[in-house]
């Protein structure tokens, strides 16, 4: 035996029927408070502070990250890093 019951009601009516608490006023107060705090924070913050928080390593950190990847790619390709060539470059290879 199969019984199907279809109930047509709004979410508010279902909440009341099931005895669930009304949280809309609390939610609206919390959202208003969050909006107020975020707006105040953005008014007091300067752009440089925001960038420093979002990118803690800054431009120098990005350059170091790029340098690390270049070194790894050069090593994978079998190329010697420039710093270990001693400044002589290809001149030593001509004598050999």
Protein backbone atom coordinates (compact mmCIF):
# COMPACT_ATOMS: atom_id res chain seq x y z
CA UNK A 1 0.00 0.00 0.00
CA UNK A 2 1.35 3.42 -0.93
CA UNK A 3 0.02 6.68 0.50
CA UNK A 4 0.98 10.07 -0.86
CA UNK A 5 0.18 13.26 1.01
CA UNK A 6 0.69 16.60 -0.69
CA UNK A 7 0.67 19.72 1.46
CA UNK A 8 0.40 23.11 -0.18
CA UNK A 9 1.66 25.81 2.19
CA UNK A 10 4.13 28.63 2.41
CA UNK A 11 7.45 28.23 4.22
CA UNK A 12 6.10 30.42 7.05
CA UNK A 13 3.05 28.17 7.43
CA UNK A 14 5.23 25.06 7.47
CA UNK A 15 7.52 26.62 10.08
CA UNK A 16 4.55 27.45 12.31
CA UNK A 17 3.01 23.99 11.83
CA UNK A 18 6.25 22.27 12.80
CA UNK A 19 6.81 24.62 15.74
CA UNK A 20 10.10 26.05 14.47
CA UNK A 21 11.19 29.46 15.81
CA UNK A 22 10.88 32.68 13.81
CA UNK A 23 14.45 33.73 12.99
CA UNK A 24 13.83 36.40 10.36
CA UNK A 25 14.10 39.39 12.78
CA UNK A 26 17.36 38.03 14.19
CA UNK A 27 18.73 37.39 10.72
CA UNK A 28 17.84 40.91 9.58
CA UNK A 29 19.54 42.46 12.64
CA UNK A 30 22.69 40.38 12.09
CA UNK A 31 22.86 41.26 8.39
CA UNK A 32 22.40 44.97 9.17
CA UNK A 33 25.15 44.80 11.80
CA UNK A 34 27.52 42.98 9.40
CA UNK A 35 26.84 45.54 6.68
CA UNK A 36 27.51 48.41 9.08
CA UNK A 37 30.79 46.89 10.29
CA UNK A 38 32.02 46.15 6.76
CA UNK A 39 31.21 49.68 5.58
CA UNK A 40 33.02 51.18 8.59
CA UNK A 41 36.06 48.96 8.01
CA UNK A 42 36.25 49.94 4.35
CA UNK A 43 35.97 53.65 5.22
CA UNK A 44 38.86 53.40 7.69
CA UNK A 45 41.11 51.20 5.55
CA UNK A 46 43.47 52.59 3.02
CA UNK A 47 44.13 50.67 -0.22
CA UNK A 48 47.76 49.87 0.67
CA UNK A 49 46.69 48.16 3.90
CA UNK A 50 44.15 46.04 2.02
CA UNK A 51 46.74 45.01 -0.57
CA UNK A 52 49.23 44.14 2.18
CA UNK A 53 46.63 41.93 3.86
CA UNK A 54 45.56 40.22 0.62
CA UNK A 55 49.13 39.75 -0.67
CA UNK A 56 51.30 39.33 2.44
CA UNK A 57 54.49 38.81 0.44
CA UNK A 58 53.94 41.87 -1.75
CA UNK A 59 55.73 42.47 -5.01
CA UNK A 60 59.08 41.13 -3.74
CA UNK A 61 57.40 37.86 -2.76
CA UNK A 62 55.86 37.56 -6.22
CA UNK A 63 59.29 38.13 -7.81
CA UNK A 64 60.82 35.44 -5.59
CA UNK A 65 57.99 33.05 -6.49
CA UNK A 66 58.57 33.70 -10.20
CA UNK A 67 62.33 33.20 -9.76
CA UNK A 68 61.72 29.87 -8.02
CA UNK A 69 59.59 28.63 -10.93
CA UNK A 70 62.19 29.77 -13.49
CA UNK A 71 64.90 27.89 -11.58
CA UNK A 72 62.79 24.74 -11.41
CA UNK A 73 62.00 24.92 -15.14
CA UNK A 74 65.67 25.46 -16.00
CA UNK A 75 66.66 22.50 -13.83
CA UNK A 76 64.02 20.33 -15.47
CA UNK A 77 65.26 21.39 -18.91
CA UNK A 78 68.85 20.51 -17.96
CA UNK A 79 70.09 24.08 -18.00
CA UNK A 80 72.58 25.19 -15.35
CA UNK A 81 71.48 28.13 -13.20
CA UNK A 82 73.18 31.38 -14.24
CA UNK A 83 74.64 32.01 -10.78
CA UNK A 84 76.76 28.80 -10.88
CA UNK A 85 78.37 29.55 -14.25
CA UNK A 86 80.83 31.88 -12.54
CA UNK A 87 80.42 34.71 -15.02
CA UNK A 88 82.55 32.97 -17.69
CA UNK A 89 79.60 31.79 -19.71
CA UNK A 90 80.44 30.01 -23.00
CA UNK A 91 84.10 31.21 -23.12
CA UNK A 92 85.26 28.14 -21.16
CA UNK A 93 83.50 25.81 -23.60
CA UNK A 94 85.48 27.19 -26.59
CA UNK A 95 88.84 26.06 -25.11
CA UNK A 96 87.66 22.49 -24.69
